[in-house]
């Protein structure tokens, strides 16, 4: 009998491997983000004395302004998840606004919505034919559709709207959707908001703004966000569509019809952009179609989609941010907009503390410098000039994309020209 001596260092380890930290589910992250945003706004409102930050009127205006951005971004999400960059969202929105006005003043809001979907989908079909079938560069095709949408609607307005409205740039008045409010609940929330209690009144104002004057378009947009998530992430169709955007060659080898899924995604993208255009015509406050009324919202929707990391939940947050910045400057002007800069100082300060806790010294130093610079602006400037507040959503877009660019991951085959075989 032979025995072998084993070096203790060579003995198998009985120490279990360290456990990986469990990530929070997406809904929990979103809930924490909402709570953090409300806390930040309430704190800023209390420290600056600006109640408009969380007033019901500001939130209601922000919802209306965020709606077309959200729907346009959702259209971009569908296309880019299938690997097609859709810069043409602006042009498809323009087609949707004209289609909604043309059908709306004749037959009412619901036919207007259907017409907007059809006109937007036609723009998507054109983009799909150019990019998927003929292999045209996605950016070139999108820019061409933006120019074509503006030109076609200008011609059609001169042909059909001018004899009725006596203005080639404007349609006749279009009937609007009815709006709904939770009367008893909103009255109670209004009483809480007027009491100006720290935190409580802020939450009451936000909830009252979300529950007052709700249009069917808001309900449709919320349903489309949920449906997009469920379809793209929880169904076989969505899995195949996303695989086309990640690796179309591998998808084809598994029997997926890549062309069919790309066409379906871009058609849905155009239809959603058409609905985004319809919100500019069918929401209260707009008489109907007006030339140039999209005002770059298709591009901002695309930025909101990128900010949301090509996911519906993140897109919703990005659209809310851009709509809120636009609504605040429309409701209150430059003086109130300065309070957002103060809120930014608080936010950056929280980020600096987080970076210090993680021992990321360089990032913490950079955040501290940014916080000092923002506070210097807040301390030295009494009111932001109106020329700058008009472009608040665009400035917010640039800042947010610059900050969020480090954590983004686009679909691997996004923008690539695909050829079968």
Protein backbone atom coordinates (compact mmCIF):
# COMPACT_ATOMS: atom_id res chain seq x y z
CA UNK A 1 0.00 0.00 0.00
CA UNK A 2 1.35 3.35 -0.99
CA UNK A 3 0.44 6.68 0.37
CA UNK A 4 0.90 10.05 -1.24
CA UNK A 5 1.36 13.25 0.58
CA UNK A 6 -0.55 16.25 -0.75
CA UNK A 7 0.74 19.74 -0.36
CA UNK A 8 -1.80 21.74 1.61
CA UNK A 9 -1.58 24.50 -0.99
CA UNK A 10 -2.67 21.98 -3.62
CA UNK A 11 -5.70 20.75 -1.67
CA UNK A 12 -9.06 21.61 -3.21
CA UNK A 13 -10.46 24.77 -1.76
CA UNK A 14 -13.57 24.46 0.37
CA UNK A 15 -14.20 28.22 0.45
CA UNK A 16 -17.31 29.02 -1.62
CA UNK A 17 -16.89 31.61 -4.38
CA UNK A 18 -18.03 35.10 -3.52
CA UNK A 19 -21.64 35.83 -4.37
CA UNK A 20 -22.36 38.33 -7.03
CA UNK A 21 -24.43 41.28 -6.02
CA UNK A 22 -28.00 40.83 -7.18
CA UNK A 23 -29.21 43.54 -9.53
CA UNK A 24 -32.48 45.27 -8.87
CA UNK A 25 -35.26 44.48 -11.36
CA UNK A 26 -36.07 47.13 -13.92
CA UNK A 27 -39.38 48.14 -12.29
CA UNK A 28 -37.58 48.73 -8.97
CA UNK A 29 -34.93 50.90 -10.63
CA UNK A 30 -37.67 52.91 -12.34
CA UNK A 31 -39.58 53.34 -9.08
CA UNK A 32 -36.44 54.53 -7.28
CA UNK A 33 -35.78 56.99 -10.12
CA UNK A 34 -39.31 58.41 -9.81
CA UNK A 35 -38.99 58.76 -6.03
CA UNK A 36 -35.57 60.39 -6.43
CA UNK A 37 -36.87 62.86 -9.04
CA UNK A 38 -39.85 63.87 -6.87
CA UNK A 39 -37.58 64.26 -3.83
CA UNK A 40 -35.17 66.43 -5.82
CA UNK A 41 -37.96 68.67 -7.17
CA UNK A 42 -39.60 69.00 -3.75
CA UNK A 43 -36.29 69.90 -2.09
CA UNK A 44 -35.46 72.43 -4.80
CA UNK A 45 -38.94 73.97 -4.57
CA UNK A 46 -38.61 74.33 -0.78
CA UNK A 47 -35.08 75.80 -0.84
CA UNK A 48 -35.75 78.24 -3.69
CA UNK A 49 -39.36 79.09 -2.81
CA UNK A 50 -40.54 78.34 -6.37
CA UNK A 51 -43.81 76.43 -6.09
CA UNK A 52 -44.17 76.22 -9.88
CA UNK A 53 -41.65 73.39 -9.99
CA UNK A 54 -44.23 70.91 -8.74
CA UNK A 55 -47.50 72.72 -9.50
CA UNK A 56 -50.34 70.89 -11.23
CA UNK A 57 -50.32 73.37 -14.12
CA UNK A 58 -46.63 72.77 -14.85
CA UNK A 59 -47.05 68.99 -14.74
CA UNK A 60 -50.14 69.09 -16.97
CA UNK A 61 -48.31 71.23 -19.52
CA UNK A 62 -45.27 68.93 -19.34
CA UNK A 63 -47.41 65.85 -20.07
CA UNK A 64 -48.81 67.47 -23.21
CA UNK A 65 -45.35 68.47 -24.40
CA UNK A 66 -43.77 65.11 -23.57
CA UNK A 67 -46.43 63.13 -25.44
CA UNK A 68 -45.17 63.66 -29.04
CA UNK A 69 -41.57 63.18 -27.89
CA UNK A 70 -42.47 59.88 -26.22
CA UNK A 71 -44.34 58.51 -29.23
CA UNK A 72 -41.67 59.62 -31.70
CA UNK A 73 -38.99 58.02 -29.53
CA UNK A 74 -41.05 54.83 -29.34
CA UNK A 75 -41.12 54.78 -33.14
CA UNK A 76 -37.35 55.13 -33.21
CA UNK A 77 -37.04 52.32 -30.66
CA UNK A 78 -38.95 49.85 -32.87
CA UNK A 79 -36.89 50.66 -35.95
CA UNK A 80 -33.50 50.62 -34.27
CA UNK A 81 -34.17 47.40 -32.38
CA UNK A 82 -34.45 45.85 -35.85
CA UNK A 83 -31.20 47.49 -36.98
CA UNK A 84 -32.66 50.42 -38.97
CA UNK A 85 -31.71 53.96 -37.93
CA UNK A 86 -34.76 56.18 -38.36
CA UNK A 87 -33.63 59.78 -38.67
CA UNK A 88 -36.82 60.35 -40.68
CA UNK A 89 -39.04 60.50 -37.58
CA UNK A 90 -39.46 64.24 -38.03
CA UNK A 91 -40.75 63.84 -41.59
CA UNK A 92 -43.10 61.03 -40.57
CA UNK A 93 -44.44 63.24 -37.77
CA UNK A 94 -45.08 66.01 -40.29
CA UNK A 95 -47.00 63.58 -42.49
CA UNK A 96 -48.98 62.51 -39.42
CA UNK A 97 -49.91 66.10 -38.50
CA UNK A 98 -51.20 66.78 -42.01
CA UNK A 99 -53.10 63.50 -42.22
CA UNK A 100 -54.72 64.11 -38.83
CA UNK A 101 -55.80 67.63 -39.81
CA UNK A 102 -57.14 66.55 -43.21
CA UNK A 103 -59.27 63.72 -41.81
CA UNK A 104 -60.06 65.49 -38.53
CA UNK A 105 -61.80 68.58 -39.85
CA UNK A 106 -64.01 66.37 -42.03
CA UNK A 107 -64.84 63.38 -39.82
CA UNK A 108 -63.62 64.00 -36.26
CA UNK A 109 -60.75 63.01 -33.96
CA UNK A 110 -60.83 59.20 -34.24
CA UNK A 111 -60.66 59.17 -38.07
CA UNK A 112 -57.94 61.81 -37.69
CA UNK A 113 -55.89 59.43 -35.55
CA UNK A 114 -56.32 56.60 -38.08
CA UNK A 115 -55.27 58.91 -40.94
CA UNK A 116 -52.18 59.99 -38.99
CA UNK A 117 -51.22 56.33 -38.52
CA UNK A 118 -51.63 55.66 -42.25
CA UNK A 119 -49.65 58.73 -43.34
CA UNK A 120 -46.86 58.02 -40.85
CA UNK A 121 -46.72 54.37 -41.93
CA UNK A 122 -46.40 55.48 -45.57
CA UNK A 123 -43.30 57.45 -44.59
CA UNK A 124 -42.01 54.36 -42.78
CA UNK A 125 -42.69 52.20 -45.83
CA UNK A 126 -40.68 54.56 -48.01
CA UNK A 127 -37.80 54.44 -45.54
CA UNK A 128 -37.95 50.64 -45.43
CA UNK A 129 -37.92 50.34 -49.23
CA UNK A 130 -34.89 52.63 -49.45
CA UNK A 131 -32.85 51.12 -46.63
CA UNK A 132 -33.88 47.45 -46.52
CA UNK A 133 -34.55 46.69 -50.18
CA UNK A 134 -32.16 49.05 -51.98
CA UNK A 135 -29.50 49.38 -49.27
CA UNK A 136 -29.50 53.19 -49.14
CA UNK A 137 -27.57 54.68 -46.23
CA UNK A 138 -29.99 55.02 -43.32
CA UNK A 139 -29.02 58.59 -42.49
CA UNK A 140 -29.33 59.74 -46.09
CA UNK A 141 -32.74 58.11 -46.44
CA UNK A 142 -33.97 59.63 -43.17
CA UNK A 143 -32.88 63.14 -44.11
CA UNK A 144 -34.56 62.74 -47.52
CA UNK A 145 -37.83 61.70 -45.84
CA UNK A 146 -37.67 64.76 -43.57
CA UNK A 147 -37.33 67.02 -46.61
CA UNK A 148 -39.95 65.10 -48.54
CA UNK A 149 -42.45 65.20 -45.67
CA UNK A 150 -42.13 68.97 -45.37
CA UNK A 151 -42.41 69.47 -49.12
CA UNK A 152 -45.35 67.13 -49.71
CA UNK A 153 -47.41 68.56 -46.86
CA UNK A 154 -46.71 72.12 -48.06
CA UNK A 155 -48.00 71.21 -51.51
CA UNK A 156 -51.05 69.39 -50.16
CA UNK A 157 -51.86 72.27 -47.80
CA UNK A 158 -51.79 74.74 -50.67
CA UNK A 159 -54.01 72.42 -52.72
CA UNK A 160 -56.60 71.43 -50.08
CA UNK A 161 -56.41 73.72 -47.03
CA UNK A 162 -55.98 77.14 -48.65
CA UNK A 163 -59.45 77.18 -50.30
CA UNK A 164 -61.03 76.50 -46.87
CA UNK A 165 -58.78 78.33 -44.38
CA UNK A 166 -57.45 81.02 -46.77
CA UNK A 167 -53.98 80.16 -45.51
CA UNK A 168 -51.67 77.68 -47.27
CA UNK A 169 -49.74 77.10 -44.04
CA UNK A 170 -52.68 76.28 -41.79
CA UNK A 171 -55.66 73.92 -41.78
CA UNK A 172 -59.21 74.71 -40.70
CA UNK A 173 -60.05 74.14 -37.03
CA UNK A 174 -59.99 70.44 -36.11
CA UNK A 175 -62.27 68.86 -33.46
CA UNK A 176 -60.39 67.68 -30.38
CA UNK A 177 -60.64 64.66 -28.13
CA UNK A 178 -62.58 65.12 -24.91
CA UNK A 179 -60.49 65.19 -21.75
CA UNK A 180 -61.22 63.48 -18.46
CA UNK A 181 -60.43 64.26 -14.82
CA UNK A 182 -60.93 62.43 -11.54
CA UNK A 183 -63.10 65.22 -10.15
CA UNK A 184 -63.37 64.25 -6.47
CA UNK A 185 -59.75 63.17 -6.17
CA UNK A 186 -58.33 66.22 -7.96
CA UNK A 187 -60.34 68.58 -5.73
CA UNK A 188 -58.85 66.94 -2.65
CA UNK A 189 -55.36 67.11 -4.18
CA UNK A 190 -55.89 70.80 -4.98
CA UNK A 191 -56.60 71.48 -1.29
CA UNK A 192 -53.40 69.68 -0.27
CA UNK A 193 -51.39 71.58 -2.89
CA UNK A 194 -52.66 74.96 -1.64
CA UNK A 195 -51.60 74.17 1.93
CA UNK A 196 -47.93 74.33 0.83
CA UNK A 197 -46.74 71.53 3.08
CA UNK A 198 -43.21 70.41 2.36
CA UNK A 199 -43.26 67.21 0.34
CA UNK A 200 -46.99 66.55 0.70
CA UNK A 201 -48.08 69.52 -1.41
CA UNK A 202 -45.43 68.73 -4.01
CA UNK A 203 -46.67 65.16 -4.43
CA UNK A 204 -50.27 66.41 -4.50
CA UNK A 205 -49.45 68.91 -7.25
CA UNK A 206 -47.71 66.29 -9.37
CA UNK A 207 -50.56 63.78 -8.97
CA UNK A 208 -53.17 66.44 -9.70
CA UNK A 209 -51.37 67.45 -12.87
CA UNK A 210 -51.26 63.81 -14.02
CA UNK A 211 -54.97 63.24 -13.31
CA UNK A 212 -56.42 66.49 -14.68
CA UNK A 213 -57.49 66.94 -18.31
CA UNK A 214 -56.31 63.51 -19.43
CA UNK A 215 -56.76 62.97 -23.16
CA UNK A 216 -57.34 59.54 -24.74
CA UNK A 217 -54.02 60.13 -26.51
CA UNK A 218 -52.24 60.04 -23.13
CA UNK A 219 -53.92 56.72 -22.32
CA UNK A 220 -53.01 55.35 -25.76
CA UNK A 221 -49.37 56.43 -25.33
CA UNK A 222 -49.13 54.77 -21.91
CA UNK A 223 -50.63 51.57 -23.33
CA UNK A 224 -48.20 51.64 -26.27
CA UNK A 225 -45.19 51.90 -23.95
CA UNK A 226 -46.33 48.86 -21.97
CA UNK A 227 -47.27 46.96 -25.15
CA UNK A 228 -43.91 47.71 -26.75
CA UNK A 229 -42.08 46.29 -23.75
CA UNK A 230 -44.24 43.17 -23.60
CA UNK A 231 -44.02 42.51 -27.34
CA UNK A 232 -40.32 43.19 -27.79
CA UNK A 233 -39.08 41.46 -24.62
CA UNK A 234 -41.71 38.85 -23.79
CA UNK A 235 -42.79 37.34 -27.13
CA UNK A 236 -41.19 35.19 -29.82
CA UNK A 237 -41.87 37.90 -32.39
CA UNK A 238 -40.03 40.48 -30.29
CA UNK A 239 -37.07 38.15 -29.69
CA UNK A 240 -36.68 37.57 -33.42
CA UNK A 241 -37.02 41.26 -34.19
CA UNK A 242 -34.33 42.17 -31.68
CA UNK A 243 -32.07 39.40 -32.95
CA UNK A 244 -32.32 40.96 -36.41
CA UNK A 245 -30.95 44.20 -34.93
CA UNK A 246 -28.13 42.40 -33.13
CA UNK A 247 -26.93 39.86 -35.72
CA UNK A 248 -29.01 39.52 -38.89
CA UNK A 249 -26.71 36.87 -40.41
CA UNK A 250 -27.12 34.57 -37.42
CA UNK A 251 -30.87 35.23 -37.42
CA UNK A 252 -31.10 34.27 -41.09
CA UNK A 253 -29.18 31.05 -40.42
CA UNK A 254 -31.87 30.13 -37.88
CA UNK A 255 -34.66 30.65 -40.40
CA UNK A 256 -35.72 34.21 -39.50
CA UNK A 257 -36.94 36.29 -42.45
CA UNK A 258 -34.74 39.32 -41.79
CA UNK A 259 -36.29 41.52 -44.48
CA UNK A 260 -39.82 40.84 -43.22
CA UNK A 261 -38.97 41.78 -39.64
CA UNK A 262 -37.14 44.93 -40.70
CA UNK A 263 -40.11 46.01 -42.82
CA UNK A 264 -42.54 45.32 -39.97
CA UNK A 265 -40.41 47.29 -37.50
CA UNK A 266 -40.03 50.35 -39.74
CA UNK A 267 -43.74 50.35 -40.64
CA UNK A 268 -44.63 50.30 -36.93
CA UNK A 269 -42.05 53.02 -36.38
CA UNK A 270 -43.68 55.23 -38.98
CA UNK A 271 -47.15 54.59 -37.56
CA UNK A 272 -46.00 55.60 -34.08
CA UNK A 273 -44.40 58.75 -35.46
CA UNK A 274 -47.71 59.51 -37.19
CA UNK A 275 -49.51 59.23 -33.85
CA UNK A 276 -46.90 61.59 -32.39
CA UNK A 277 -47.79 64.09 -35.10
CA UNK A 278 -51.50 63.64 -34.40
CA UNK A 279 -51.00 64.70 -30.76
CA UNK A 280 -49.89 68.13 -31.98
CA UNK A 281 -53.18 68.52 -33.88
CA UNK A 282 -55.73 66.79 -31.61
CA UNK A 283 -54.58 68.01 -28.19
CA UNK A 284 -56.32 71.09 -26.73
CA UNK A 285 -54.66 74.41 -27.50
CA UNK A 286 -53.87 73.73 -31.17
CA UNK A 287 -56.35 74.84 -33.87
CA UNK A 288 -55.13 72.18 -36.30
CA UNK A 289 -52.26 71.67 -38.71
CA UNK A 290 -49.69 74.46 -38.77
CA UNK A 291 -46.58 74.42 -40.90
CA UNK A 292 -43.45 73.83 -38.82
CA UNK A 293 -45.37 72.82 -35.69
CA UNK A 294 -43.25 69.70 -35.08
CA UNK A 295 -40.30 72.03 -34.31
CA UNK A 296 -37.66 69.30 -34.15
CA UNK A 297 -39.60 67.03 -31.78
CA UNK A 298 -38.74 64.01 -33.94
CA UNK A 299 -35.06 64.59 -33.27
CA UNK A 300 -35.69 65.15 -29.55
CA UNK A 301 -37.66 61.89 -29.50
CA UNK A 302 -34.66 60.14 -31.01
CA UNK A 303 -32.47 61.68 -28.30
CA UNK A 304 -34.91 60.52 -25.62
CA UNK A 305 -34.69 56.99 -27.02
CA UNK A 306 -30.89 57.08 -26.87
CA UNK A 307 -31.02 58.48 -23.33
CA UNK A 308 -33.27 55.55 -22.41
CA UNK A 309 -30.69 53.09 -23.76
CA UNK A 310 -33.07 51.75 -26.42
CA UNK A 311 -35.61 50.61 -23.80
CA UNK A 312 -39.23 51.75 -23.29
CA UNK A 313 -38.83 52.57 -19.57
CA UNK A 314 -35.75 54.70 -20.09
CA UNK A 315 -37.41 56.38 -23.07
CA UNK A 316 -40.37 57.32 -20.86
CA UNK A 317 -37.99 58.97 -18.40
CA UNK A 318 -36.18 60.86 -21.15
CA UNK A 319 -39.43 62.14 -22.69
CA UNK A 320 -40.64 63.23 -19.25
CA UNK A 321 -37.39 65.14 -18.67
CA UNK A 322 -37.52 67.00 -21.99
CA UNK A 323 -41.24 67.70 -21.72
CA UNK A 324 -40.83 69.00 -18.17
CA UNK A 325 -38.01 71.37 -19.15
CA UNK A 326 -40.11 72.73 -22.03
CA UNK A 327 -43.25 73.01 -19.92
CA UNK A 328 -41.47 74.85 -17.12
CA UNK A 329 -40.12 77.54 -19.39
CA UNK A 330 -43.52 77.99 -21.08
CA UNK A 331 -45.37 78.27 -17.78
CA UNK A 332 -42.91 80.34 -15.77
CA UNK A 333 -40.16 81.83 -17.92
CA UNK A 334 -36.51 82.42 -17.11
CA UNK A 335 -36.79 83.28 -13.41
CA UNK A 336 -38.26 79.90 -12.51
CA UNK A 337 -35.95 78.12 -14.93
CA UNK A 338 -33.06 79.27 -12.73
CA UNK A 339 -34.36 77.00 -9.99
CA UNK A 340 -33.61 74.04 -12.24
CA UNK A 341 -29.96 75.08 -12.19
CA UNK A 342 -30.10 75.04 -8.39
CA UNK A 343 -31.66 71.59 -8.56
CA UNK A 344 -28.85 70.51 -10.87
CA UNK A 345 -26.35 71.60 -8.21
CA UNK A 346 -28.11 69.36 -5.66
CA UNK A 347 -28.15 66.46 -8.11
CA UNK A 348 -24.47 66.80 -9.00
CA UNK A 349 -23.66 67.06 -5.30
CA UNK A 350 -25.42 63.76 -4.65
CA UNK A 351 -23.46 62.20 -7.51
CA UNK A 352 -20.19 63.50 -6.01
CA UNK A 353 -21.03 61.87 -2.66
CA UNK A 354 -21.80 58.61 -4.44
CA UNK A 355 -18.49 58.73 -6.31
CA UNK A 356 -16.61 59.41 -3.09
CA UNK A 357 -18.28 56.41 -1.45
CA UNK A 358 -17.20 54.30 -4.45
CA UNK A 359 -13.68 55.81 -4.14
CA UNK A 360 -13.71 57.17 -7.67
CA UNK A 361 -11.67 60.25 -6.88
CA UNK A 362 -11.29 61.69 -10.39
CA UNK A 363 -15.01 61.44 -11.14
CA UNK A 364 -15.82 63.01 -7.78
CA UNK A 365 -13.40 65.88 -8.46
CA UNK A 366 -14.95 66.51 -11.88
CA UNK A 367 -18.45 66.51 -10.37
CA UNK A 368 -17.39 68.93 -7.65
CA UNK A 369 -15.99 71.34 -10.25
CA UNK A 370 -19.24 71.10 -12.23
CA UNK A 371 -21.32 71.74 -9.09
CA UNK A 372 -19.27 74.83 -8.22
CA UNK A 373 -19.61 76.16 -11.76
CA UNK A 374 -23.39 75.65 -11.78
CA UNK A 375 -23.76 77.32 -8.40
CA UNK A 376 -21.67 80.29 -9.61
CA UNK A 377 -24.08 80.69 -12.53
CA UNK A 378 -27.09 80.46 -10.21
CA UNK A 379 -25.60 82.97 -7.77
CA UNK A 380 -24.52 85.53 -10.38
CA UNK A 381 -27.45 85.41 -12.85
CA UNK A 382 -30.90 86.53 -11.71
CA UNK A 383 -32.88 85.35 -14.74
CA UNK A 384 -32.10 83.25 -17.81
CA UNK A 385 -32.68 85.28 -21.01
CA UNK A 386 -35.84 84.32 -22.88
CA UNK A 387 -33.76 83.58 -25.99
CA UNK A 388 -32.12 80.71 -24.10
CA UNK A 389 -35.20 79.38 -22.29
CA UNK A 390 -36.91 78.89 -25.65
CA UNK A 391 -34.27 76.29 -26.49
CA UNK A 392 -34.36 74.68 -23.04
CA UNK A 393 -35.38 71.20 -24.33
CA UNK A 394 -32.58 71.24 -26.90
CA UNK A 395 -29.98 72.30 -24.31
CA UNK A 396 -31.22 69.63 -21.90
CA UNK A 397 -30.94 67.12 -24.74
CA UNK A 398 -27.28 67.96 -25.33
CA UNK A 399 -26.37 67.87 -21.64
CA UNK A 400 -28.20 64.63 -20.91
CA UNK A 401 -26.73 62.82 -23.90
CA UNK A 402 -23.25 64.01 -22.99
CA UNK A 403 -23.65 62.67 -19.43
CA UNK A 404 -25.38 59.41 -20.39
CA UNK A 405 -23.15 58.49 -23.32
CA UNK A 406 -20.82 56.38 -21.16
CA UNK A 407 -23.41 53.74 -20.30
CA UNK A 408 -25.24 53.37 -23.62
CA UNK A 409 -25.34 50.22 -25.72
CA UNK A 410 -27.03 50.41 -29.08
CA UNK A 411 -28.09 47.28 -31.03
CA UNK A 412 -24.94 45.75 -32.52
CA UNK A 413 -26.13 45.85 -36.15
CA UNK A 414 -27.90 49.21 -35.93
CA UNK A 415 -27.45 51.16 -39.16
CA UNK A 416 -25.72 48.37 -41.07
CA UNK A 417 -26.84 47.58 -44.62
CA UNK A 418 -27.90 43.91 -44.76
CA UNK A 419 -27.81 41.68 -47.80
CA UNK A 420 -29.24 38.17 -47.71
CA UNK A 421 -26.70 35.37 -48.05
